[in-house]
Amino acid sequence: MRVLILANIDMGLYKFRRELLEELVKENEVYFCVPDGEFVESIKEIGCKFVPCTLMNRHGTNPIQELKLISFYKKVLREIKPDIVFTYTIKCNAYGGMACASLGVPYVANVTGLGTAIEKEMM
């Protein structure tokens, strides 16, 4: 089975999902799509294949950039042809989910934490 994981940062994927990655690579071809970071090499050493995501701006709100990210995810899905996609974090859940739904690719959205919108003090 070919698995694609979308996340907005490599650190969270490595520190909190490493055991999942280790199990998945035993019987699957696993790709991960994140911005380049200090944990990418460690994830590659587990056996996952890296797809760099230069369009991810974790806190960005520019609609044109956000649409480009959705288009990028569609391109990645067409190239990799995953059997399933796991998404982590809100942008990956929303935009990756839209890309998957538009191409008929099954996906599992995971909600992690409360997010910075909830963590900020209310005025």
PDB file of N, CA and C in Angstrom:
ATOM      1  N   MET A   1       0.851  -1.168   0.000  1.00  0.00           N
ATOM      2  CA  MET A   1       0.000   0.000   0.000  1.00  0.00           C
ATOM      3  C   MET A   1       0.900   1.236   0.000  1.00  0.00           C
ATOM      4  N   ARG A   2       0.493   2.234  -0.718  1.00  0.00           N
ATOM      5  CA  ARG A   2       1.228   3.500  -0.776  1.00  0.00           C
ATOM      6  C   ARG A   2       0.509   4.515   0.113  1.00  0.00           C
ATOM      7  N   VAL A   3       1.236   5.068   1.100  1.00  0.00           N
ATOM      8  CA  VAL A   3       0.689   5.979   2.099  1.00  0.00           C
ATOM      9  C   VAL A   3       1.365   7.339   1.949  1.00  0.00           C
ATOM     10  N   LEU A   4       0.571   8.393   2.008  1.00  0.00           N
ATOM     11  CA  LEU A   4       1.091   9.758   1.998  1.00  0.00           C
ATOM     12  C   LEU A   4       0.666  10.445   3.286  1.00  0.00           C
ATOM     13  N   ILE A   5       1.617  11.125   3.926  1.00  0.00           N
ATOM     14  CA  ILE A   5       1.320  11.870   5.147  1.00  0.00           C
ATOM     15  C   ILE A   5       1.583  13.344   4.882  1.00  0.00           C
ATOM     16  N   LEU A   6       0.584  14.177   5.162  1.00  0.00           N
ATOM     17  CA  LEU A   6       0.716  15.627   5.019  1.00  0.00           C
ATOM     18  C   LEU A   6       0.757  16.247   6.410  1.00  0.00           C
ATOM     19  N   ALA A   7       1.754  17.079   6.654  1.00  0.00           N
ATOM     20  CA  ALA A   7       1.867  17.777   7.931  1.00  0.00           C
ATOM     21  C   ALA A   7       2.497  19.141   7.677  1.00  0.00           C
ATOM     22  N   ASN A   8       2.353  20.045   8.648  1.00  0.00           N
ATOM     23  CA  ASN A   8       2.891  21.383   8.421  1.00  0.00           C
ATOM     24  C   ASN A   8       4.283  21.587   9.006  1.00  0.00           C
ATOM     25  N   ILE A   9       4.802  20.586   9.725  1.00  0.00           N
ATOM     26  CA  ILE A   9       6.145  20.704  10.295  1.00  0.00           C
ATOM     27  C   ILE A   9       6.715  19.312  10.550  1.00  0.00           C
ATOM     28  N   ASP A  10       7.985  19.156  10.256  1.00  0.00           N
ATOM     29  CA  ASP A  10       8.634  17.859  10.410  1.00  0.00           C
ATOM     30  C   ASP A  10       8.828  17.464  11.869  1.00  0.00           C
ATOM     31  N   MET A  11       9.038  18.438  12.735  1.00  0.00           N
ATOM     32  CA  MET A  11       9.294  18.163  14.149  1.00  0.00           C
ATOM     33  C   MET A  11       8.138  17.402  14.790  1.00  0.00           C
ATOM     34  N   GLY A  12       6.930  17.862  14.588  1.00  0.00           N
ATOM     35  CA  GLY A  12       5.770  17.195  15.172  1.00  0.00           C
ATOM     36  C   GLY A  12       5.586  15.791  14.638  1.00  0.00           C
ATOM     37  N   LEU A  13       5.839  15.637  13.338  1.00  0.00           N
ATOM     38  CA  LEU A  13       5.707  14.318  12.728  1.00  0.00           C
ATOM     39  C   LEU A  13       6.726  13.352  13.329  1.00  0.00           C
ATOM     40  N   TYR A  14       7.948  13.802  13.517  1.00  0.00           N
ATOM     41  CA  TYR A  14       8.983  12.929  14.065  1.00  0.00           C
ATOM     42  C   TYR A  14       8.785  12.662  15.557  1.00  0.00           C
ATOM     43  N   LYS A  15       8.556  13.705  16.313  1.00  0.00           N
ATOM     44  CA  LYS A  15       8.486  13.537  17.770  1.00  0.00           C
ATOM     45  C   LYS A  15       7.212  12.852  18.245  1.00  0.00           C
ATOM     46  N   PHE A  16       6.103  13.049  17.547  1.00  0.00           N
ATOM     47  CA  PHE A  16       4.829  12.507  18.020  1.00  0.00           C
ATOM     48  C   PHE A  16       4.274  11.367  17.173  1.00  0.00           C
ATOM     49  N   ARG A  17       4.823  11.124  15.987  1.00  0.00           N
ATOM     50  CA  ARG A  17       4.308  10.082  15.095  1.00  0.00           C
ATOM     51  C   ARG A  17       5.386   9.102  14.643  1.00  0.00           C
ATOM     52  N   ARG A  18       6.565   9.168  15.261  1.00  0.00           N
ATOM     53  CA  ARG A  18       7.680   8.315  14.847  1.00  0.00           C
ATOM     54  C   ARG A  18       7.311   6.835  14.905  1.00  0.00           C
ATOM     55  N   GLU A  19       6.683   6.411  15.986  1.00  0.00           N
ATOM     56  CA  GLU A  19       6.328   4.992  16.118  1.00  0.00           C
ATOM     57  C   GLU A  19       5.351   4.561  15.028  1.00  0.00           C
ATOM     58  N   LEU A  20       4.423   5.425  14.691  1.00  0.00           N
ATOM     59  CA  LEU A  20       3.493   5.128  13.599  1.00  0.00           C
ATOM     60  C   LEU A  20       4.250   4.972  12.285  1.00  0.00           C
ATOM     61  N   LEU A  21       5.172   5.887  12.017  1.00  0.00           N
ATOM     62  CA  LEU A  21       5.971   5.808  10.790  1.00  0.00           C
ATOM     63  C   LEU A  21       6.774   4.508  10.746  1.00  0.00           C
ATOM     64  N   GLU A  22       7.375   4.148  11.866  1.00  0.00           N
ATOM     65  CA  GLU A  22       8.170   2.920  11.931  1.00  0.00           C
ATOM     66  C   GLU A  22       7.323   1.686  11.617  1.00  0.00           C
ATOM     67  N   GLU A  23       6.101   1.661  12.092  1.00  0.00           N
ATOM     68  CA  GLU A  23       5.206   0.530  11.802  1.00  0.00           C
ATOM     69  C   GLU A  23       4.724   0.554  10.354  1.00  0.00           C
ATOM     70  N   LEU A  24       4.384   1.738   9.866  1.00  0.00           N
ATOM     71  CA  LEU A  24       3.874   1.842   8.499  1.00  0.00           C
ATOM     72  C   LEU A  24       4.898   1.401   7.462  1.00  0.00           C
ATOM     73  N   VAL A  25       6.179   1.759   7.644  1.00  0.00           N
ATOM     74  CA  VAL A  25       7.186   1.428   6.628  1.00  0.00           C
ATOM     75  C   VAL A  25       7.493  -0.061   6.569  1.00  0.00           C
ATOM     76  N   LYS A  26       7.082  -0.822   7.574  1.00  0.00           N
ATOM     77  CA  LYS A  26       7.340  -2.264   7.567  1.00  0.00           C
ATOM     78  C   LYS A  26       6.651  -2.962   6.407  1.00  0.00           C
ATOM     79  N   GLU A  27       5.455  -2.496   6.047  1.00  0.00           N
ATOM     80  CA  GLU A  27       4.701  -3.177   4.995  1.00  0.00           C
ATOM     81  C   GLU A  27       4.144  -2.233   3.935  1.00  0.00           C
ATOM     82  N   ASN A  28       4.545  -0.952   3.985  1.00  0.00           N
ATOM     83  CA  ASN A  28       3.987   0.030   3.060  1.00  0.00           C
ATOM     84  C   ASN A  28       5.074   0.937   2.523  1.00  0.00           C
ATOM     85  N   GLU A  29       4.776   1.550   1.395  1.00  0.00           N
ATOM     86  CA  GLU A  29       5.627   2.594   0.844  1.00  0.00           C
ATOM     87  C   GLU A  29       5.086   3.911   1.405  1.00  0.00           C
ATOM     88  N   VAL A  30       5.878   4.598   2.221  1.00  0.00           N
ATOM     89  CA  VAL A  30       5.397   5.770   2.950  1.00  0.00           C
ATOM     90  C   VAL A  30       6.100   7.034   2.464  1.00  0.00           C
ATOM     91  N   TYR A  31       5.293   8.019   2.106  1.00  0.00           N
ATOM     92  CA  TYR A  31       5.773   9.338   1.708  1.00  0.00           C
ATOM     93  C   TYR A  31       5.319  10.341   2.754  1.00  0.00           C
ATOM     94  N   PHE A  32       6.134  11.364   2.981  1.00  0.00           N
ATOM     95  CA  PHE A  32       5.712  12.451   3.859  1.00  0.00           C
ATOM     96  C   PHE A  32       6.003  13.779   3.177  1.00  0.00           C
ATOM     97  N   CYS A  33       5.041  14.668   3.257  1.00  0.00           N
ATOM     98  CA  CYS A  33       5.116  15.968   2.594  1.00  0.00           C
ATOM     99  C   CYS A  33       5.054  17.048   3.666  1.00  0.00           C
ATOM    100  N   VAL A  34       6.197  17.686   3.906  1.00  0.00           N
ATOM    101  CA  VAL A  34       6.329  18.748   4.905  1.00  0.00           C
ATOM    102  C   VAL A  34       7.341  19.761   4.387  1.00  0.00           C
ATOM    103  N   PRO A  35       7.368  20.961   4.986  1.00  0.00           N
ATOM    104  CA  PRO A  35       8.472  21.870   4.676  1.00  0.00           C
ATOM    105  C   PRO A  35       9.781  21.260   5.181  1.00  0.00           C
ATOM    106  N   ASP A  36      10.873  21.554   4.499  1.00  0.00           N
ATOM    107  CA  ASP A  36      12.180  21.033   4.911  1.00  0.00           C
ATOM    108  C   ASP A  36      12.527  21.540   6.306  1.00  0.00           C
ATOM    109  N   GLY A  37      13.079  20.675   7.126  1.00  0.00           N
ATOM    110  CA  GLY A  37      13.417  21.049   8.492  1.00  0.00           C
ATOM    111  C   GLY A  37      14.458  20.119   9.074  1.00  0.00           C
ATOM    112  N   GLU A  38      14.783  20.316  10.332  1.00  0.00           N
ATOM    113  CA  GLU A  38      15.873  19.573  10.958  1.00  0.00           C
ATOM    114  C   GLU A  38      15.572  18.094  11.191  1.00  0.00           C
ATOM    115  N   PHE A  39      14.309  17.674  11.140  1.00  0.00           N
ATOM    116  CA  PHE A  39      13.969  16.276  11.398  1.00  0.00           C
ATOM    117  C   PHE A  39      13.695  15.473  10.119  1.00  0.00           C
ATOM    118  N   VAL A  40      13.798  16.125   8.969  1.00  0.00           N
ATOM    119  CA  VAL A  40      13.524  15.438   7.700  1.00  0.00           C
ATOM    120  C   VAL A  40      14.468  14.255   7.512  1.00  0.00           C
ATOM    121  N   GLU A  41      15.741  14.445   7.756  1.00  0.00           N
ATOM    122  CA  GLU A  41      16.705  13.349   7.571  1.00  0.00           C
ATOM    123  C   GLU A  41      16.405  12.178   8.504  1.00  0.00           C
ATOM    124  N   SER A  42      16.008  12.479   9.725  1.00  0.00           N
ATOM    125  CA  SER A  42      15.669  11.412  10.679  1.00  0.00           C
ATOM    126  C   SER A  42      14.454  10.625  10.209  1.00  0.00           C
ATOM    127  N   ILE A  43      13.477  11.310   9.620  1.00  0.00           N
ATOM    128  CA  ILE A  43      12.289  10.626   9.101  1.00  0.00           C
ATOM    129  C   ILE A  43      12.662   9.786   7.880  1.00  0.00           C
ATOM    130  N   LYS A  44      13.542  10.305   7.042  1.00  0.00           N
ATOM    131  CA  LYS A  44      14.004   9.537   5.887  1.00  0.00           C
ATOM    132  C   LYS A  44      14.746   8.286   6.319  1.00  0.00           C
ATOM    133  N   GLU A  45      15.506   8.377   7.416  1.00  0.00           N
ATOM    134  CA  GLU A  45      16.240   7.213   7.926  1.00  0.00           C
ATOM    135  C   GLU A  45      15.304   6.101   8.385  1.00  0.00           C
ATOM    136  N   ILE A  46      14.096   6.467   8.786  1.00  0.00           N
ATOM    137  CA  ILE A  46      13.092   5.461   9.166  1.00  0.00           C
ATOM    138  C   ILE A  46      12.674   4.654   7.943  1.00  0.00           C
ATOM    139  N   GLY A  47      12.765   5.280   6.772  1.00  0.00           N
ATOM    140  CA  GLY A  47      12.390   4.599   5.538  1.00  0.00           C
ATOM    141  C   GLY A  47      11.319   5.323   4.741  1.00  0.00           C
ATOM    142  N   CYS A  48      10.968   6.508   5.163  1.00  0.00           N
ATOM    143  CA  CYS A  48       9.952   7.298   4.462  1.00  0.00           C
ATOM    144  C   CYS A  48      10.591   8.116   3.352  1.00  0.00           C
ATOM    145  N   LYS A  49       9.811   8.391   2.324  1.00  0.00           N
ATOM    146  CA  LYS A  49      10.279   9.191   1.192  1.00  0.00           C
ATOM    147  C   LYS A  49       9.776  10.623   1.344  1.00  0.00           C
ATOM    148  N   PHE A  50      10.679  11.574   1.164  1.00  0.00           N
ATOM    149  CA  PHE A  50      10.407  12.985   1.416  1.00  0.00           C
ATOM    150  C   PHE A  50       9.909  13.706   0.168  1.00  0.00           C
ATOM    151  N   VAL A  51       8.806  14.437   0.344  1.00  0.00           N
ATOM    152  CA  VAL A  51       8.279  15.330  -0.685  1.00  0.00           C
ATOM    153  C   VAL A  51       8.297  16.734  -0.083  1.00  0.00           C
ATOM    154  N   PRO A  52       9.239  17.596  -0.516  1.00  0.00           N
ATOM    155  CA  PRO A  52       9.325  18.927   0.093  1.00  0.00           C
ATOM    156  C   PRO A  52       8.125  19.805  -0.251  1.00  0.00           C
ATOM    157  N   CYS A  53       7.632  20.510   0.737  1.00  0.00           N
ATOM    158  CA  CYS A  53       6.496  21.417   0.559  1.00  0.00           C
ATOM    159  C   CYS A  53       6.974  22.840   0.857  1.00  0.00           C
ATOM    160  N   THR A  54       7.349  23.564  -0.173  1.00  0.00           N
ATOM    161  CA  THR A  54       7.853  24.925  -0.001  1.00  0.00           C
ATOM    162  C   THR A  54       6.724  25.952   0.098  1.00  0.00           C
ATOM    163  N   LEU A  55       5.506  25.552  -0.172  1.00  0.00           N
ATOM    164  CA  LEU A  55       4.379  26.489  -0.176  1.00  0.00           C
ATOM    165  C   LEU A  55       3.685  26.618   1.169  1.00  0.00           C
ATOM    166  N   MET A  56       4.039  25.781   2.133  1.00  0.00           N
ATOM    167  CA  MET A  56       3.368  25.808   3.431  1.00  0.00           C
ATOM    168  C   MET A  56       3.814  27.010   4.243  1.00  0.00           C
ATOM    169  N   ASN A  57       2.857  27.857   4.606  1.00  0.00           N
ATOM    170  CA  ASN A  57       3.084  28.943   5.553  1.00  0.00           C
ATOM    171  C   ASN A  57       2.090  28.690   6.672  1.00  0.00           C
ATOM    172  N   ARG A  58       2.584  28.189   7.785  1.00  0.00           N
ATOM    173  CA  ARG A  58       1.707  27.732   8.864  1.00  0.00           C
ATOM    174  C   ARG A  58       0.739  28.800   9.351  1.00  0.00           C
ATOM    175  N   HIS A  59       1.132  30.050   9.296  1.00  0.00           N
ATOM    176  CA  HIS A  59       0.275  31.120   9.816  1.00  0.00           C
ATOM    177  C   HIS A  59      -0.213  32.057   8.721  1.00  0.00           C
ATOM    178  N   GLY A  60       0.049  31.712   7.470  1.00  0.00           N
ATOM    179  CA  GLY A  60      -0.320  32.575   6.355  1.00  0.00           C
ATOM    180  C   GLY A  60      -1.820  32.614   6.108  1.00  0.00           C
ATOM    181  N   THR A  61      -2.272  33.750   5.593  1.00  0.00           N
ATOM    182  CA  THR A  61      -3.695  33.916   5.273  1.00  0.00           C
ATOM    183  C   THR A  61      -3.902  34.498   3.876  1.00  0.00           C
ATOM    184  N   ASN A  62      -2.858  34.548   3.076  1.00  0.00           N
ATOM    185  CA  ASN A  62      -2.969  35.066   1.715  1.00  0.00           C
ATOM    186  C   ASN A  62      -3.758  34.064   0.865  1.00  0.00           C
ATOM    187  N   PRO A  63      -4.936  34.451   0.377  1.00  0.00           N
ATOM    188  CA  PRO A  63      -5.781  33.493  -0.359  1.00  0.00           C
ATOM    189  C   PRO A  63      -5.097  32.908  -1.591  1.00  0.00           C
ATOM    190  N   ILE A  64      -4.285  33.687  -2.269  1.00  0.00           N
ATOM    191  CA  ILE A  64      -3.612  33.182  -3.468  1.00  0.00           C
ATOM    192  C   ILE A  64      -2.605  32.104  -3.080  1.00  0.00           C
ATOM    193  N   GLN A  65      -1.835  32.335  -2.020  1.00  0.00           N
ATOM    194  CA  GLN A  65      -0.872  31.340  -1.550  1.00  0.00           C
ATOM    195  C   GLN A  65      -1.584  30.076  -1.064  1.00  0.00           C
ATOM    196  N   GLU A  66      -2.722  30.249  -0.416  1.00  0.00           N
ATOM    197  CA  GLU A  66      -3.471  29.086   0.080  1.00  0.00           C
ATOM    198  C   GLU A  66      -4.005  28.251  -1.087  1.00  0.00           C
ATOM    199  N   LEU A  67      -4.485  28.902  -2.142  1.00  0.00           N
ATOM    200  CA  LEU A  67      -4.947  28.177  -3.337  1.00  0.00           C
ATOM    201  C   LEU A  67      -3.792  27.449  -4.016  1.00  0.00           C
ATOM    202  N   LYS A  68      -2.623  28.072  -4.013  1.00  0.00           N
ATOM    203  CA  LYS A  68      -1.439  27.413  -4.578  1.00  0.00           C
ATOM    204  C   LYS A  68      -1.094  26.153  -3.796  1.00  0.00           C
ATOM    205  N   LEU A  69      -1.270  26.198  -2.487  1.00  0.00           N
ATOM    206  CA  LEU A  69      -0.995  25.025  -1.656  1.00  0.00           C
ATOM    207  C   LEU A  69      -1.953  23.881  -2.009  1.00  0.00           C
ATOM    208  N   ILE A  70      -3.229  24.198  -2.200  1.00  0.00           N
ATOM    209  CA  ILE A  70      -4.201  23.167  -2.596  1.00  0.00           C
ATOM    210  C   ILE A  70      -3.795  22.566  -3.942  1.00  0.00           C
ATOM    211  N   SER A  71      -3.419  23.414  -4.893  1.00  0.00           N
ATOM    212  CA  SER A  71      -2.977  22.928  -6.210  1.00  0.00           C
ATOM    213  C   SER A  71      -1.731  22.061  -6.089  1.00  0.00           C
ATOM    214  N   PHE A  72      -0.821  22.457  -5.204  1.00  0.00           N
ATOM    215  CA  PHE A  72       0.380  21.669  -4.980  1.00  0.00           C
ATOM    216  C   PHE A  72       0.019  20.285  -4.442  1.00  0.00           C
ATOM    217  N   TYR A  73      -0.887  20.240  -3.475  1.00  0.00           N
ATOM    218  CA  TYR A  73      -1.312  18.948  -2.929  1.00  0.00           C
ATOM    219  C   TYR A  73      -1.938  18.068  -4.019  1.00  0.00           C
ATOM    220  N   LYS A  74      -2.724  18.659  -4.899  1.00  0.00           N
ATOM    221  CA  LYS A  74      -3.306  17.882  -6.001  1.00  0.00           C
ATOM    222  C   LYS A  74      -2.212  17.311  -6.896  1.00  0.00           C
ATOM    223  N   LYS A  75      -1.203  18.111  -7.178  1.00  0.00           N
ATOM    224  CA  LYS A  75      -0.085  17.664  -8.011  1.00  0.00           C
ATOM    225  C   LYS A  75       0.632  16.487  -7.349  1.00  0.00           C
ATOM    226  N   VAL A  76       0.889  16.605  -6.050  1.00  0.00           N
ATOM    227  CA  VAL A  76       1.554  15.529  -5.310  1.00  0.00           C
ATOM    228  C   VAL A  76       0.703  14.258  -5.345  1.00  0.00           C
ATOM    229  N   LEU A  77      -0.598  14.401  -5.158  1.00  0.00           N
ATOM    230  CA  LEU A  77      -1.490  13.234  -5.180  1.00  0.00           C
ATOM    231  C   LEU A  77      -1.473  12.561  -6.547  1.00  0.00           C
ATOM    232  N   ARG A  78      -1.467  13.352  -7.604  1.00  0.00           N
ATOM    233  CA  ARG A  78      -1.429  12.769  -8.956  1.00  0.00           C
ATOM    234  C   ARG A  78      -0.117  12.043  -9.220  1.00  0.00           C
ATOM    235  N   GLU A  79       0.981  12.593  -8.707  1.00  0.00           N
ATOM    236  CA  GLU A  79       2.288  11.979  -8.943  1.00  0.00           C
ATOM    237  C   GLU A  79       2.496  10.722  -8.106  1.00  0.00           C
ATOM    238  N   ILE A  80       2.164  10.773  -6.836  1.00  0.00           N
ATOM    239  CA  ILE A  80       2.417   9.644  -5.934  1.00  0.00           C
ATOM    240  C   ILE A  80       1.350   8.561  -6.054  1.00  0.00           C
ATOM    241  N   LYS A  81       0.119   8.964  -6.326  1.00  0.00           N
ATOM    242  CA  LYS A  81      -1.007   8.025  -6.407  1.00  0.00           C
ATOM    243  C   LYS A  81      -1.142   7.181  -5.131  1.00  0.00           C
ATOM    244  N   PRO A  82      -1.302   7.843  -3.984  1.00  0.00           N
ATOM    245  CA  PRO A  82      -1.397   7.089  -2.728  1.00  0.00           C
ATOM    246  C   PRO A  82      -2.718   6.332  -2.621  1.00  0.00           C
ATOM    247  N   ASP A  83      -2.675   5.234  -1.878  1.00  0.00           N
ATOM    248  CA  ASP A  83      -3.900   4.486  -1.587  1.00  0.00           C
ATOM    249  C   ASP A  83      -4.678   5.154  -0.465  1.00  0.00           C
ATOM    250  N   ILE A  84      -3.948   5.854   0.413  1.00  0.00           N
ATOM    251  CA  ILE A  84      -4.573   6.583   1.517  1.00  0.00           C
ATOM    252  C   ILE A  84      -3.655   7.732   1.929  1.00  0.00           C
ATOM    253  N   VAL A  85      -4.277   8.785   2.441  1.00  0.00           N
ATOM    254  CA  VAL A  85      -3.537   9.961   2.913  1.00  0.00           C
ATOM    255  C   VAL A  85      -3.920  10.221   4.360  1.00  0.00           C
ATOM    256  N   PHE A  86      -2.908  10.446   5.194  1.00  0.00           N
ATOM    257  CA  PHE A  86      -3.130  10.874   6.573  1.00  0.00           C
ATOM    258  C   PHE A  86      -2.719  12.336   6.657  1.00  0.00           C
ATOM    259  N   THR A  87      -3.597  13.169   7.237  1.00  0.00           N
ATOM    260  CA  THR A  87      -3.279  14.583   7.376  1.00  0.00           C
ATOM    261  C   THR A  87      -3.242  14.958   8.847  1.00  0.00           C
ATOM    262  N   TYR A  88      -2.303  15.852   9.169  1.00  0.00           N
ATOM    263  CA  TYR A  88      -2.162  16.362  10.531  1.00  0.00           C
ATOM    264  C   TYR A  88      -2.127  17.884  10.449  1.00  0.00           C
ATOM    265  N   THR A  89      -2.755  18.534  11.374  1.00  0.00           N
ATOM    266  CA  THR A  89      -2.833  19.996  11.514  1.00  0.00           C
ATOM    267  C   THR A  89      -3.889  20.574  10.581  1.00  0.00           C
ATOM    268  N   ILE A  90      -4.390  21.739  10.936  1.00  0.00           N
ATOM    269  CA  ILE A  90      -5.589  22.280  10.314  1.00  0.00           C
ATOM    270  C   ILE A  90      -5.456  22.542   8.807  1.00  0.00           C
ATOM    271  N   LYS A  91      -4.371  23.177   8.390  1.00  0.00           N
ATOM    272  CA  LYS A  91      -4.239  23.455   6.957  1.00  0.00           C
ATOM    273  C   LYS A  91      -4.136  22.169   6.148  1.00  0.00           C
ATOM    274  N   CYS A  92      -3.376  21.233   6.641  1.00  0.00           N
ATOM    275  CA  CYS A  92      -3.250  19.957   5.937  1.00  0.00           C
ATOM    276  C   CYS A  92      -4.580  19.212   5.927  1.00  0.00           C
ATOM    277  N   ASN A  93      -5.293  19.254   7.044  1.00  0.00           N
ATOM    278  CA  ASN A  93      -6.608  18.611   7.097  1.00  0.00           C
ATOM    279  C   ASN A  93      -7.554  19.249   6.085  1.00  0.00           C
ATOM    280  N   ALA A  94      -7.631  20.572   6.098  1.00  0.00           N
ATOM    281  CA  ALA A  94      -8.574  21.270   5.221  1.00  0.00           C
ATOM    282  C   ALA A  94      -8.143  21.193   3.757  1.00  0.00           C
ATOM    283  N   TYR A  95      -6.945  21.649   3.459  1.00  0.00           N
ATOM    284  CA  TYR A  95      -6.509  21.726   2.066  1.00  0.00           C
ATOM    285  C   TYR A  95      -6.158  20.360   1.493  1.00  0.00           C
ATOM    286  N   GLY A  96      -5.513  19.527   2.303  1.00  0.00           N
ATOM    287  CA  GLY A  96      -5.243  18.169   1.849  1.00  0.00           C
ATOM    288  C   GLY A  96      -6.528  17.389   1.655  1.00  0.00           C
ATOM    289  N   GLY A  97      -7.495  17.616   2.565  1.00  0.00           N
ATOM    290  CA  GLY A  97      -8.801  16.976   2.431  1.00  0.00           C
ATOM    291  C   GLY A  97      -9.528  17.405   1.171  1.00  0.00           C
ATOM    292  N   MET A  98      -9.462  18.697   0.857  1.00  0.00           N
ATOM    293  CA  MET A  98     -10.093  19.184  -0.380  1.00  0.00           C
ATOM    294  C   MET A  98      -9.445  18.557  -1.610  1.00  0.00           C
ATOM    295  N   ALA A  99      -8.112  18.507  -1.601  1.00  0.00           N
ATOM    296  CA  ALA A  99      -7.396  17.920  -2.731  1.00  0.00           C
ATOM    297  C   ALA A  99      -7.745  16.436  -2.879  1.00  0.00           C
ATOM    298  N   CYS A 100      -7.755  15.713  -1.766  1.00  0.00           N
ATOM    299  CA  CYS A 100      -8.096  14.286  -1.801  1.00  0.00           C
ATOM    300  C   CYS A 100      -9.531  14.073  -2.290  1.00  0.00           C
ATOM    301  N   ALA A 101     -10.455  14.847  -1.740  1.00  0.00           N
ATOM    302  CA  ALA A 101     -11.867  14.692  -2.122  1.00  0.00           C
ATOM    303  C   ALA A 101     -12.065  14.972  -3.608  1.00  0.00           C
ATOM    304  N   SER A 102     -11.371  15.975  -4.122  1.00  0.00           N
ATOM    305  CA  SER A 102     -11.548  16.321  -5.532  1.00  0.00           C
ATOM    306  C   SER A 102     -10.994  15.252  -6.467  1.00  0.00           C
ATOM    307  N   LEU A 103     -10.042  14.452  -5.979  1.00  0.00           N
ATOM    308  CA  LEU A 103      -9.435  13.404  -6.798  1.00  0.00           C
ATOM    309  C   LEU A 103      -9.891  12.004  -6.407  1.00  0.00           C
ATOM    310  N   GLY A 104     -10.787  11.912  -5.423  1.00  0.00           N
ATOM    311  CA  GLY A 104     -11.309  10.607  -5.013  1.00  0.00           C
ATOM    312  C   GLY A 104     -10.308   9.755  -4.246  1.00  0.00           C
ATOM    313  N   VAL A 105      -9.387  10.382  -3.543  1.00  0.00           N
ATOM    314  CA  VAL A 105      -8.383   9.658  -2.768  1.00  0.00           C
ATOM    315  C   VAL A 105      -8.850   9.576  -1.310  1.00  0.00           C
ATOM    316  N   PRO A 106      -8.901   8.400  -0.725  1.00  0.00           N
ATOM    317  CA  PRO A 106      -9.300   8.285   0.684  1.00  0.00           C
ATOM    318  C   PRO A 106      -8.289   8.976   1.603  1.00  0.00           C
ATOM    319  N   TYR A 107      -8.798   9.633   2.642  1.00  0.00           N
ATOM    320  CA  TYR A 107      -7.910  10.308   3.571  1.00  0.00           C
ATOM    321  C   TYR A 107      -8.471  10.246   4.980  1.00  0.00           C
ATOM    322  N   VAL A 108      -7.564  10.384   5.935  1.00  0.00           N
ATOM    323  CA  VAL A 108      -7.905  10.389   7.351  1.00  0.00           C
ATOM    324  C   VAL A 108      -7.361  11.683   7.939  1.00  0.00           C
ATOM    325  N   ALA A 109      -8.262  12.549   8.397  1.00  0.00           N
ATOM    326  CA  ALA A 109      -7.849  13.812   9.010  1.00  0.00           C
ATOM    327  C   ALA A 109      -7.693  13.613  10.512  1.00  0.00           C
ATOM    328  N   ASN A 110      -6.582  14.068  11.033  1.00  0.00           N
ATOM    329  CA  ASN A 110      -6.292  13.964  12.462  1.00  0.00           C
ATOM    330  C   ASN A 110      -6.235  15.352  13.072  1.00  0.00           C
ATOM    331  N   VAL A 111      -6.936  15.554  14.160  1.00  0.00           N
ATOM    332  CA  VAL A 111      -6.924  16.833  14.855  1.00  0.00           C
ATOM    333  C   VAL A 111      -5.915  16.732  15.991  1.00  0.00           C
ATOM    334  N   THR A 112      -4.955  17.657  15.988  1.00  0.00           N
ATOM    335  CA  THR A 112      -3.904  17.636  16.994  1.00  0.00           C
ATOM    336  C   THR A 112      -3.923  18.939  17.777  1.00  0.00           C
ATOM    337  N   GLY A 113      -4.099  18.872  19.054  1.00  0.00           N
ATOM    338  CA  GLY A 113      -4.052  20.066  19.900  1.00  0.00           C
ATOM    339  C   GLY A 113      -5.238  20.999  19.682  1.00  0.00           C
ATOM    340  N   LEU A 114      -5.179  22.122  20.345  1.00  0.00           N
ATOM    341  CA  LEU A 114      -6.238  23.111  20.244  1.00  0.00           C
ATOM    342  C   LEU A 114      -5.980  24.148  19.166  1.00  0.00           C
ATOM    343  N   GLY A 115      -4.740  24.340  18.800  1.00  0.00           N
ATOM    344  CA  GLY A 115      -4.388  25.339  17.807  1.00  0.00           C
ATOM    345  C   GLY A 115      -4.146  26.692  18.448  1.00  0.00           C
ATOM    346  N   THR A 116      -3.400  27.524  17.736  1.00  0.00           N
ATOM    347  CA  THR A 116      -3.023  28.818  18.291  1.00  0.00           C
ATOM    348  C   THR A 116      -4.211  29.750  18.451  1.00  0.00           C
ATOM    349  N   ALA A 117      -5.265  29.573  17.669  1.00  0.00           N
ATOM    350  CA  ALA A 117      -6.432  30.441  17.801  1.00  0.00           C
ATOM    351  C   ALA A 117      -7.081  30.264  19.167  1.00  0.00           C
ATOM    352  N   ILE A 118      -7.092  29.059  19.695  1.00  0.00           N
ATOM    353  CA  ILE A 118      -7.677  28.783  20.999  1.00  0.00           C
ATOM    354  C   ILE A 118      -6.715  29.137  22.125  1.00  0.00           C
ATOM    355  N   GLU A 119      -5.432  28.937  21.869  1.00  0.00           N
ATOM    356  CA  GLU A 119      -4.417  29.169  22.892  1.00  0.00           C
ATOM    357  C   GLU A 119      -4.223  30.659  23.218  1.00  0.00           C
ATOM    358  N   LYS A 120      -4.524  31.538  22.267  1.00  0.00           N
ATOM    359  CA  LYS A 120      -4.325  32.976  22.494  1.00  0.00           C
ATOM    360  C   LYS A 120      -5.327  33.501  23.513  1.00  0.00           C
ATOM    361  N   GLU A 121      -4.869  34.462  24.288  1.00  0.00           N
ATOM    362  CA  GLU A 121      -5.725  35.075  25.293  1.00  0.00           C
ATOM    363  C   GLU A 121      -6.804  35.916  24.605  1.00  0.00           C
ATOM    364  N   MET A 122      -8.027  35.791  25.076  1.00  0.00           N
ATOM    365  CA  MET A 122      -9.152  36.542  24.511  1.00  0.00           C
ATOM    366  C   MET A 122      -9.093  37.986  24.981  1.00  0.00           C
ATOM    367  N   MET A 123      -9.507  38.875  24.113  1.00  0.00           N
ATOM    368  CA  MET A 123      -9.522  40.307  24.466  1.00  0.00           C
ATOM    369  C   MET A 123     -10.825  40.705  25.056  1.00  0.00           C
TER     370      MET A 123
END
